Amino acid sequence: DLTMVGGYAGKLLRVDLTTQSIQEEALDEGYLRKWIGGSGIGTQILTTETGPSTDPLGPDNVFVVSVGPLTGGPAPTSCRHEITAKSPLTGIFGESDCGGVFGSELKLAGYDALVVTGVATTPVYIWVKDGHAELRPADQLWGQDTYSTDAAMKAATDPKAAIITIGQAGERLSRIAAVMHDGVNGRAAGRTGVGAVMGSKRLKGIAVRGTGRARVIDPSALRDSIRAVVPTVLEFTPSFQNFGTAGSVQAFEQSGNLPLQ
């Protein structure tokens, strides 16, 4: 079981592609309570480890995948993972999030966040399973689309692994390139050009498999909370199920959250 603070794994995995080093870092309770997880942890890492002079497509930019305390548990819509990096599209803070199972697999593999820095000399992918991580060559995958890459990485690692990957756009450093997940279902972390950050690091993909279990401090209280929120979830999620993010365009425009002139 993951028995740090309830809902957290209590660890961060750091991969330096330049030196090919992989290290675990403990996350204490104060840090987790302050930054909570997901975008909070990603933002904290980005703002402390990059600055105005950091090249978004250079080795010093960070590529952070992070999850929150509910990820990996039974709460509805809690399966998402957050990607944070200095944006090659805007030159400032960049983030994008995505659904699917990658976030849950990362948490259940033992990590609240994965931080990638540096640049690999040749294409690579990262394979993480239950507290063990390694770099593997991806020369044969470079140039392939995300569908075939997803299938190839599953075949080479674990059929139940969750995969995020880039296609040709990310490899060619398109500043609007997405990071794709979930094979033919086509889930995307599509904002702020995070796919180009992966491409600049010659990181073709990340595969994760976790068989742990997230610890819940008060299961009955969580069940009560889930029951209370389910009607709202059922009211608002059908448009996302049917249309994806496009199902929220009208609501975003009305709330001022759509970048239109």
C-alpha atoms as a PDB file:
ATOM      1  CA  ASP A   1       0.000   0.000   0.000  1.00  0.00           C
ATOM      2  CA  LEU A   2       1.014   3.621  -0.504  1.00  0.00           C
ATOM      3  CA  THR A   3       0.974   4.710   3.107  1.00  0.00           C
ATOM      4  CA  MET A   4       2.365   8.244   3.215  1.00  0.00           C
ATOM      5  CA  VAL A   5      -0.179  11.015   3.765  1.00  0.00           C
ATOM      6  CA  GLY A   6      -3.587   9.677   2.717  1.00  0.00           C
ATOM      7  CA  GLY A   7      -3.826   9.560  -1.056  1.00  0.00           C
ATOM      8  CA  TYR A   8      -0.148  10.292  -1.696  1.00  0.00           C
ATOM      9  CA  ALA A   9       2.726   8.026  -2.656  1.00  0.00           C
ATOM     10  CA  GLY A  10       5.184  10.410  -0.977  1.00  0.00           C
ATOM     11  CA  LYS A  11       7.802  10.165  -3.718  1.00  0.00           C
ATOM     12  CA  LEU A  12       8.938  11.958  -6.845  1.00  0.00           C
ATOM     13  CA  LEU A  13      10.922  10.319  -9.660  1.00  0.00           C
ATOM     14  CA  ARG A  14      13.556  12.473 -11.359  1.00  0.00           C
ATOM     15  CA  VAL A  15      15.100  11.502 -14.715  1.00  0.00           C
ATOM     16  CA  ASP A  16      18.042  13.424 -16.207  1.00  0.00           C
ATOM     17  CA  LEU A  17      18.298  12.446 -19.855  1.00  0.00           C
ATOM     18  CA  THR A  18      21.698  14.114 -20.307  1.00  0.00           C
ATOM     19  CA  THR A  19      23.413  12.052 -17.611  1.00  0.00           C
ATOM     20  CA  GLN A  20      20.966   9.115 -17.885  1.00  0.00           C
ATOM     21  CA  SER A  21      20.508   9.230 -14.123  1.00  0.00           C
ATOM     22  CA  ILE A  22      17.302   8.230 -12.352  1.00  0.00           C
ATOM     23  CA  GLN A  23      16.687   9.192  -8.729  1.00  0.00           C
ATOM     24  CA  GLU A  24      13.836   9.068  -6.236  1.00  0.00           C
ATOM     25  CA  GLU A  25      13.116  12.008  -3.941  1.00  0.00           C
ATOM     26  CA  ALA A  26      10.942  11.865  -0.834  1.00  0.00           C
ATOM     27  CA  LEU A  27       8.099  14.369  -0.552  1.00  0.00           C
ATOM     28  CA  ASP A  28       7.352  15.262   3.047  1.00  0.00           C
ATOM     29  CA  GLU A  29       3.909  15.916   4.467  1.00  0.00           C
ATOM     30  CA  GLY A  30       4.399  19.685   4.654  1.00  0.00           C
ATOM     31  CA  TYR A  31       5.302  19.873   0.956  1.00  0.00           C
ATOM     32  CA  LEU A  32       2.329  17.756  -0.053  1.00  0.00           C
ATOM     33  CA  ARG A  33      -0.140  19.695   2.075  1.00  0.00           C
ATOM     34  CA  LYS A  34       1.143  23.012   0.703  1.00  0.00           C
ATOM     35  CA  TRP A  35       1.161  22.121  -2.994  1.00  0.00           C
ATOM     36  CA  ILE A  36      -1.602  19.434  -2.867  1.00  0.00           C
ATOM     37  CA  GLY A  37      -0.596  17.681  -6.106  1.00  0.00           C
ATOM     38  CA  GLY A  38      -1.163  17.833  -9.851  1.00  0.00           C
ATOM     39  CA  SER A  39      -0.842  21.420 -11.075  1.00  0.00           C
ATOM     40  CA  GLY A  40       0.331  22.597  -7.634  1.00  0.00           C
ATOM     41  CA  ILE A  41       3.386  20.347  -7.583  1.00  0.00           C
ATOM     42  CA  GLY A  42       4.040  20.981 -11.277  1.00  0.00           C
ATOM     43  CA  THR A  43       3.909  24.743 -10.825  1.00  0.00           C
ATOM     44  CA  GLN A  44       6.175  24.648  -7.778  1.00  0.00           C
ATOM     45  CA  ILE A  45       8.814  22.617  -9.625  1.00  0.00           C
ATOM     46  CA  LEU A  46       8.610  24.779 -12.748  1.00  0.00           C
ATOM     47  CA  THR A  47       8.925  28.088 -10.909  1.00  0.00           C
ATOM     48  CA  THR A  48      11.813  26.969  -8.702  1.00  0.00           C
ATOM     49  CA  GLU A  49      13.822  25.145 -11.384  1.00  0.00           C
ATOM     50  CA  THR A  50      13.379  27.410 -14.418  1.00  0.00           C
ATOM     51  CA  GLY A  51      13.497  31.152 -15.006  1.00  0.00           C
ATOM     52  CA  PRO A  52      13.250  33.901 -17.621  1.00  0.00           C
ATOM     53  CA  SER A  53      16.453  32.750 -19.349  1.00  0.00           C
ATOM     54  CA  THR A  54      15.408  29.086 -19.603  1.00  0.00           C
ATOM     55  CA  ASP A  55      15.000  27.960 -23.206  1.00  0.00           C
ATOM     56  CA  PRO A  56      11.682  26.052 -23.450  1.00  0.00           C
ATOM     57  CA  LEU A  57      13.305  23.724 -25.992  1.00  0.00           C
ATOM     58  CA  GLY A  58      16.615  23.493 -24.149  1.00  0.00           C
ATOM     59  CA  PRO A  59      17.976  20.966 -21.664  1.00  0.00           C
ATOM     60  CA  ASP A  60      17.202  23.080 -18.596  1.00  0.00           C
ATOM     61  CA  ASN A  61      13.458  23.095 -19.112  1.00  0.00           C
ATOM     62  CA  VAL A  62      11.546  20.652 -16.944  1.00  0.00           C
ATOM     63  CA  PHE A  63       8.892  18.248 -18.156  1.00  0.00           C
ATOM     64  CA  VAL A  64       6.734  17.382 -15.152  1.00  0.00           C
ATOM     65  CA  VAL A  65       3.960  14.813 -14.991  1.00  0.00           C
ATOM     66  CA  SER A  66       2.136  15.054 -11.667  1.00  0.00           C
ATOM     67  CA  VAL A  67      -1.028  13.761 -10.020  1.00  0.00           C
ATOM     68  CA  GLY A  68      -3.216  14.727  -7.082  1.00  0.00           C
ATOM     69  CA  PRO A  69      -4.231  12.927  -3.874  1.00  0.00           C
ATOM     70  CA  LEU A  70      -7.491  11.566  -5.315  1.00  0.00           C
ATOM     71  CA  THR A  71      -5.794  10.023  -8.353  1.00  0.00           C
ATOM     72  CA  GLY A  72      -5.679   6.240  -8.238  1.00  0.00           C
ATOM     73  CA  GLY A  73      -8.664   6.058  -5.892  1.00  0.00           C
ATOM     74  CA  PRO A  74     -12.423   5.661  -6.336  1.00  0.00           C
ATOM     75  CA  ALA A  75     -13.416   9.342  -6.661  1.00  0.00           C
ATOM     76  CA  PRO A  76     -15.099  10.123 -10.002  1.00  0.00           C
ATOM     77  CA  THR A  77     -13.124  12.089 -12.625  1.00  0.00           C
ATOM     78  CA  SER A  78      -9.958  11.779 -10.510  1.00  0.00           C
ATOM     79  CA  CYS A  79      -7.938   9.865 -13.097  1.00  0.00           C
ATOM     80  CA  ARG A  80      -6.310  12.862 -14.746  1.00  0.00           C
ATOM     81  CA  HIS A  81      -2.615  13.685 -14.967  1.00  0.00           C
ATOM     82  CA  GLU A  82      -1.058  17.135 -15.292  1.00  0.00           C
ATOM     83  CA  ILE A  83       1.889  18.050 -17.531  1.00  0.00           C
ATOM     84  CA  THR A  84       3.833  21.207 -16.702  1.00  0.00           C
ATOM     85  CA  ALA A  85       6.747  22.827 -18.553  1.00  0.00           C
ATOM     86  CA  LYS A  86       7.913  26.212 -19.735  1.00  0.00           C
ATOM     87  CA  SER A  87       5.869  26.618 -22.898  1.00  0.00           C
ATOM     88  CA  PRO A  88       7.612  26.778 -26.282  1.00  0.00           C
ATOM     89  CA  LEU A  89       4.405  28.372 -27.617  1.00  0.00           C
ATOM     90  CA  THR A  90       4.214  31.310 -25.197  1.00  0.00           C
ATOM     91  CA  GLY A  91       7.618  31.369 -23.492  1.00  0.00           C
ATOM     92  CA  ILE A  92       5.985  31.397 -20.062  1.00  0.00           C
ATOM     93  CA  PHE A  93       4.171  28.980 -17.747  1.00  0.00           C
ATOM     94  CA  GLY A  94       2.723  26.057 -19.650  1.00  0.00           C
ATOM     95  CA  GLU A  95       0.422  23.293 -18.495  1.00  0.00           C
ATOM     96  CA  SER A  96      -1.973  20.775 -19.907  1.00  0.00           C
ATOM     97  CA  ASP A  97      -3.918  17.922 -18.386  1.00  0.00           C
ATOM     98  CA  CYS A  98      -5.328  14.694 -19.716  1.00  0.00           C
ATOM     99  CA  GLY A  99      -7.703  11.924 -18.673  1.00  0.00           C
ATOM    100  CA  GLY A 100      -7.314   8.200 -19.158  1.00  0.00           C
ATOM    101  CA  VAL A 101      -5.369   5.887 -16.846  1.00  0.00           C
ATOM    102  CA  PHE A 102      -1.801   7.209 -16.975  1.00  0.00           C
ATOM    103  CA  GLY A 103      -2.190   9.278 -13.804  1.00  0.00           C
ATOM    104  CA  SER A 104      -3.579   6.365 -11.831  1.00  0.00           C
ATOM    105  CA  GLU A 105      -0.826   4.050 -13.033  1.00  0.00           C
ATOM    106  CA  LEU A 106       1.840   6.591 -12.041  1.00  0.00           C
ATOM    107  CA  LYS A 107       0.395   6.916  -8.540  1.00  0.00           C
ATOM    108  CA  LEU A 108       0.011   3.163  -8.099  1.00  0.00           C
ATOM    109  CA  ALA A 109       3.565   2.656  -9.357  1.00  0.00           C
ATOM    110  CA  GLY A 110       4.665   4.704  -6.348  1.00  0.00           C
ATOM    111  CA  TYR A 111       5.025   8.316  -7.500  1.00  0.00           C
ATOM    112  CA  ASP A 112       3.203  11.615  -7.159  1.00  0.00           C
ATOM    113  CA  ALA A 113       5.309  13.185  -9.902  1.00  0.00           C
ATOM    114  CA  LEU A 114       7.829  12.408 -12.626  1.00  0.00           C
ATOM    115  CA  VAL A 115      10.321  15.150 -13.518  1.00  0.00           C
ATOM    116  CA  VAL A 116      12.361  14.925 -16.731  1.00  0.00           C
ATOM    117  CA  THR A 117      15.288  17.246 -17.508  1.00  0.00           C
ATOM    118  CA  GLY A 118      18.213  17.262 -19.935  1.00  0.00           C
ATOM    119  CA  VAL A 119      18.409  15.988 -23.503  1.00  0.00           C
ATOM    120  CA  ALA A 120      19.098  12.437 -24.639  1.00  0.00           C
ATOM    121  CA  THR A 121      21.768  11.920 -27.304  1.00  0.00           C
ATOM    122  CA  THR A 122      19.465   9.529 -29.174  1.00  0.00           C
ATOM    123  CA  PRO A 123      15.709   8.901 -28.840  1.00  0.00           C
ATOM    124  CA  VAL A 124      14.607   7.128 -25.666  1.00  0.00           C
ATOM    125  CA  TYR A 125      11.520   6.225 -23.702  1.00  0.00           C
ATOM    126  CA  ILE A 126      11.052   5.804 -19.955  1.00  0.00           C
ATOM    127  CA  TRP A 127       9.641   2.589 -18.473  1.00  0.00           C
ATOM    128  CA  VAL A 128       8.350   2.720 -14.896  1.00  0.00           C
ATOM    129  CA  LYS A 129       6.886  -0.232 -13.007  1.00  0.00           C
ATOM    130  CA  ASP A 130       6.210  -0.448  -9.281  1.00  0.00           C
ATOM    131  CA  GLY A 131       9.075   1.708  -8.051  1.00  0.00           C
ATOM    132  CA  HIS A 132      11.588   0.683 -10.734  1.00  0.00           C
ATOM    133  CA  ALA A 133      12.466   2.917 -13.677  1.00  0.00           C
ATOM    134  CA  GLU A 134      14.761   2.592 -16.671  1.00  0.00           C
ATOM    135  CA  LEU A 135      15.609   4.314 -19.929  1.00  0.00           C
ATOM    136  CA  ARG A 136      15.216   2.324 -23.120  1.00  0.00           C
ATOM    137  CA  PRO A 137      16.240   3.167 -26.705  1.00  0.00           C
ATOM    138  CA  ALA A 138      13.503   4.470 -28.974  1.00  0.00           C
ATOM    139  CA  ASP A 139      15.395   4.853 -32.255  1.00  0.00           C
ATOM    140  CA  GLN A 140      13.011   2.383 -33.901  1.00  0.00           C
ATOM    141  CA  LEU A 141      10.020   4.388 -32.684  1.00  0.00           C
ATOM    142  CA  TRP A 142      11.229   7.821 -33.806  1.00  0.00           C
ATOM    143  CA  GLY A 143       9.200   8.932 -36.800  1.00  0.00           C
ATOM    144  CA  GLN A 144       6.224   6.728 -35.963  1.00  0.00           C
ATOM    145  CA  ASP A 145       2.786   8.101 -35.154  1.00  0.00           C
ATOM    146  CA  THR A 146       1.343   7.877 -31.652  1.00  0.00           C
ATOM    147  CA  TYR A 147      -0.928   4.926 -32.430  1.00  0.00           C
ATOM    148  CA  SER A 148       1.854   2.596 -33.549  1.00  0.00           C
ATOM    149  CA  THR A 149       4.173   3.916 -30.830  1.00  0.00           C
ATOM    150  CA  ASP A 150       1.597   3.194 -28.134  1.00  0.00           C
ATOM    151  CA  ALA A 151       1.154  -0.370 -29.405  1.00  0.00           C
ATOM    152  CA  ALA A 152       4.896  -0.981 -29.731  1.00  0.00           C
ATOM    153  CA  MET A 153       5.651   0.322 -26.235  1.00  0.00           C
ATOM    154  CA  LYS A 154       2.912  -1.839 -24.699  1.00  0.00           C
ATOM    155  CA  ALA A 155       4.325  -4.876 -26.503  1.00  0.00           C
ATOM    156  CA  ALA A 156       7.827  -4.103 -25.234  1.00  0.00           C
ATOM    157  CA  THR A 157       6.818  -3.393 -21.615  1.00  0.00           C
ATOM    158  CA  ASP A 158       3.457  -4.615 -20.312  1.00  0.00           C
ATOM    159  CA  PRO A 159       0.109  -4.984 -22.116  1.00  0.00           C
ATOM    160  CA  LYS A 160      -1.516  -3.180 -19.174  1.00  0.00           C
ATOM    161  CA  ALA A 161       0.972  -0.293 -19.176  1.00  0.00           C
ATOM    162  CA  ALA A 162      -0.314   3.257 -19.641  1.00  0.00           C
ATOM    163  CA  ILE A 163       1.532   5.174 -22.337  1.00  0.00           C
ATOM    164  CA  ILE A 164       2.044   8.831 -23.170  1.00  0.00           C
ATOM    165  CA  THR A 165       3.887   9.619 -26.363  1.00  0.00           C
ATOM    166  CA  ILE A 166       4.530  12.137 -29.100  1.00  0.00           C
ATOM    167  CA  GLY A 167       4.198  11.799 -32.847  1.00  0.00           C
ATOM    168  CA  GLN A 168       5.938  13.529 -35.720  1.00  0.00           C
ATOM    169  CA  ALA A 169       4.742  16.993 -34.672  1.00  0.00           C
ATOM    170  CA  GLY A 170       6.445  16.753 -31.299  1.00  0.00           C
ATOM    171  CA  GLU A 171       9.594  15.325 -32.856  1.00  0.00           C
ATOM    172  CA  ARG A 172       9.743  18.267 -35.266  1.00  0.00           C
ATOM    173  CA  LEU A 173       9.242  20.728 -32.380  1.00  0.00           C
ATOM    174  CA  SER A 174       5.903  22.073 -33.528  1.00  0.00           C
ATOM    175  CA  ARG A 175       4.988  24.617 -30.885  1.00  0.00           C
ATOM    176  CA  ILE A 176       1.411  23.344 -30.750  1.00  0.00           C
ATOM    177  CA  ALA A 177       2.331  19.642 -30.494  1.00  0.00           C
ATOM    178  CA  ALA A 178       0.305  17.577 -28.034  1.00  0.00           C
ATOM    179  CA  VAL A 179       1.310  14.712 -25.779  1.00  0.00           C
ATOM    180  CA  MET A 180      -0.992  11.819 -26.619  1.00  0.00           C
ATOM    181  CA  HIS A 181      -2.325   9.036 -24.399  1.00  0.00           C
ATOM    182  CA  ASP A 182      -4.517   5.975 -24.678  1.00  0.00           C
ATOM    183  CA  GLY A 183      -3.718   4.803 -28.198  1.00  0.00           C
ATOM    184  CA  VAL A 184      -6.590   4.864 -30.661  1.00  0.00           C
ATOM    185  CA  ASN A 185      -8.840   6.633 -28.151  1.00  0.00           C
ATOM    186  CA  GLY A 186      -6.667   9.681 -28.718  1.00  0.00           C
ATOM    187  CA  ARG A 187      -6.654  11.458 -25.358  1.00  0.00           C
ATOM    188  CA  ALA A 188      -4.503  14.571 -25.516  1.00  0.00           C
ATOM    189  CA  ALA A 189      -2.599  16.947 -23.301  1.00  0.00           C
ATOM    190  CA  GLY A 190      -2.994  19.470 -26.084  1.00  0.00           C
ATOM    191  CA  ARG A 191      -2.269  22.890 -24.612  1.00  0.00           C
ATOM    192  CA  THR A 192       0.894  25.046 -24.615  1.00  0.00           C
ATOM    193  CA  GLY A 193       3.068  22.834 -26.841  1.00  0.00           C
ATOM    194  CA  VAL A 194       4.151  20.305 -24.223  1.00  0.00           C
ATOM    195  CA  GLY A 195       4.688  17.756 -27.007  1.00  0.00           C
ATOM    196  CA  ALA A 196       7.485  19.907 -28.407  1.00  0.00           C
ATOM    197  CA  VAL A 197       9.194  19.844 -25.001  1.00  0.00           C
ATOM    198  CA  MET A 198       9.248  16.047 -25.147  1.00  0.00           C
ATOM    199  CA  GLY A 199      10.577  16.214 -28.695  1.00  0.00           C
ATOM    200  CA  SER A 200      13.344  18.624 -27.741  1.00  0.00           C
ATOM    201  CA  LYS A 201      14.503  16.123 -25.119  1.00  0.00           C
ATOM    202  CA  ARG A 202      14.350  13.246 -27.635  1.00  0.00           C
ATOM    203  CA  LEU A 203      11.869  11.608 -25.308  1.00  0.00           C
ATOM    204  CA  LYS A 204       9.489   9.580 -27.453  1.00  0.00           C
ATOM    205  CA  GLY A 205       7.283   8.337 -24.638  1.00  0.00           C
ATOM    206  CA  ILE A 206       6.743   7.184 -21.074  1.00  0.00           C
ATOM    207  CA  ALA A 207       5.239   3.839 -20.093  1.00  0.00           C
ATOM    208  CA  VAL A 208       3.960   3.253 -16.550  1.00  0.00           C
ATOM    209  CA  ARG A 209       2.476   0.257 -14.765  1.00  0.00           C
ATOM    210  CA  GLY A 210       1.504   0.223 -11.089  1.00  0.00           C
ATOM    211  CA  THR A 211      -0.020  -2.543  -9.014  1.00  0.00           C
ATOM    212  CA  GLY A 212      -0.068  -0.723  -5.659  1.00  0.00           C
ATOM    213  CA  ARG A 213      -3.124   0.566  -3.856  1.00  0.00           C
ATOM    214  CA  ALA A 214      -3.852   4.105  -2.725  1.00  0.00           C
ATOM    215  CA  ARG A 215      -4.561   4.407   0.996  1.00  0.00           C
ATOM    216  CA  VAL A 216      -7.718   6.202   2.090  1.00  0.00           C
ATOM    217  CA  ILE A 217      -7.667   7.558   5.651  1.00  0.00           C
ATOM    218  CA  ASP A 218     -11.446   7.706   6.089  1.00  0.00           C
ATOM    219  CA  PRO A 219     -13.199   5.409   3.579  1.00  0.00           C
ATOM    220  CA  SER A 220     -16.714   6.074   4.882  1.00  0.00           C
ATOM    221  CA  ALA A 221     -16.306   9.851   4.628  1.00  0.00           C
ATOM    222  CA  LEU A 222     -14.958   9.477   1.096  1.00  0.00           C
ATOM    223  CA  ARG A 223     -17.926   7.295   0.134  1.00  0.00           C
ATOM    224  CA  ASP A 224     -20.331   9.911   1.521  1.00  0.00           C
ATOM    225  CA  SER A 225     -18.549  12.642  -0.412  1.00  0.00           C
ATOM    226  CA  ILE A 226     -18.672  10.626  -3.624  1.00  0.00           C
ATOM    227  CA  ARG A 227     -22.404   9.994  -3.207  1.00  0.00           C
ATOM    228  CA  ALA A 228     -22.985  13.716  -2.722  1.00  0.00           C
ATOM    229  CA  VAL A 229     -21.077  14.747  -5.829  1.00  0.00           C
ATOM    230  CA  VAL A 230     -22.232  12.013  -8.245  1.00  0.00           C
ATOM    231  CA  PRO A 231     -25.439  13.839  -9.345  1.00  0.00           C
ATOM    232  CA  THR A 232     -23.387  16.877 -10.347  1.00  0.00           C
ATOM    233  CA  VAL A 233     -20.852  14.702 -12.161  1.00  0.00           C
ATOM    234  CA  LEU A 234     -23.632  12.940 -14.069  1.00  0.00           C
ATOM    235  CA  GLU A 235     -25.123  16.297 -15.013  1.00  0.00           C
ATOM    236  CA  PHE A 236     -21.959  17.785 -16.478  1.00  0.00           C
ATOM    237  CA  THR A 237     -19.964  14.874 -17.889  1.00  0.00           C
ATOM    238  CA  PRO A 238     -22.179  13.628 -20.778  1.00  0.00           C
ATOM    239  CA  SER A 239     -21.039  16.456 -23.049  1.00  0.00           C
ATOM    240  CA  PHE A 240     -17.413  15.538 -22.384  1.00  0.00           C
ATOM    241  CA  GLN A 241     -18.138  11.856 -23.038  1.00  0.00           C
ATOM    242  CA  ASN A 242     -19.840  12.676 -26.326  1.00  0.00           C
ATOM    243  CA  PHE A 243     -17.730  15.556 -27.598  1.00  0.00           C
ATOM    244  CA  GLY A 244     -14.526  15.683 -25.520  1.00  0.00           C
ATOM    245  CA  THR A 245     -13.213  19.115 -24.570  1.00  0.00           C
ATOM    246  CA  ALA A 246     -15.246  20.595 -27.441  1.00  0.00           C
ATOM    247  CA  GLY A 247     -18.343  19.873 -25.367  1.00  0.00           C
ATOM    248  CA  SER A 248     -17.380  22.710 -23.023  1.00  0.00           C
ATOM    249  CA  VAL A 249     -16.673  25.428 -25.615  1.00  0.00           C
ATOM    250  CA  GLN A 250     -19.947  27.296 -25.040  1.00  0.00           C
ATOM    251  CA  ALA A 251     -19.593  27.231 -21.249  1.00  0.00           C
ATOM    252  CA  PHE A 252     -15.968  28.339 -21.443  1.00  0.00           C
ATOM    253  CA  GLU A 253     -16.886  31.231 -23.742  1.00  0.00           C
ATOM    254  CA  GLN A 254     -19.625  32.392 -21.368  1.00  0.00           C
ATOM    255  CA  SER A 255     -17.262  32.277 -18.387  1.00  0.00           C
ATOM    256  CA  GLY A 256     -14.488  34.191 -20.182  1.00  0.00           C
ATOM    257  CA  ASN A 257     -12.205  31.143 -20.279  1.00  0.00           C
ATOM    258  CA  LEU A 258     -11.925  30.885 -24.076  1.00  0.00           C
ATOM    259  CA  PRO A 259      -9.085  32.829 -25.778  1.00  0.00           C
ATOM    260  CA  LEU A 260     -11.105  34.700 -28.399  1.00  0.00           C
ATOM    261  CA  GLN A 261     -10.895  38.305 -29.557  1.00  0.00           C
END
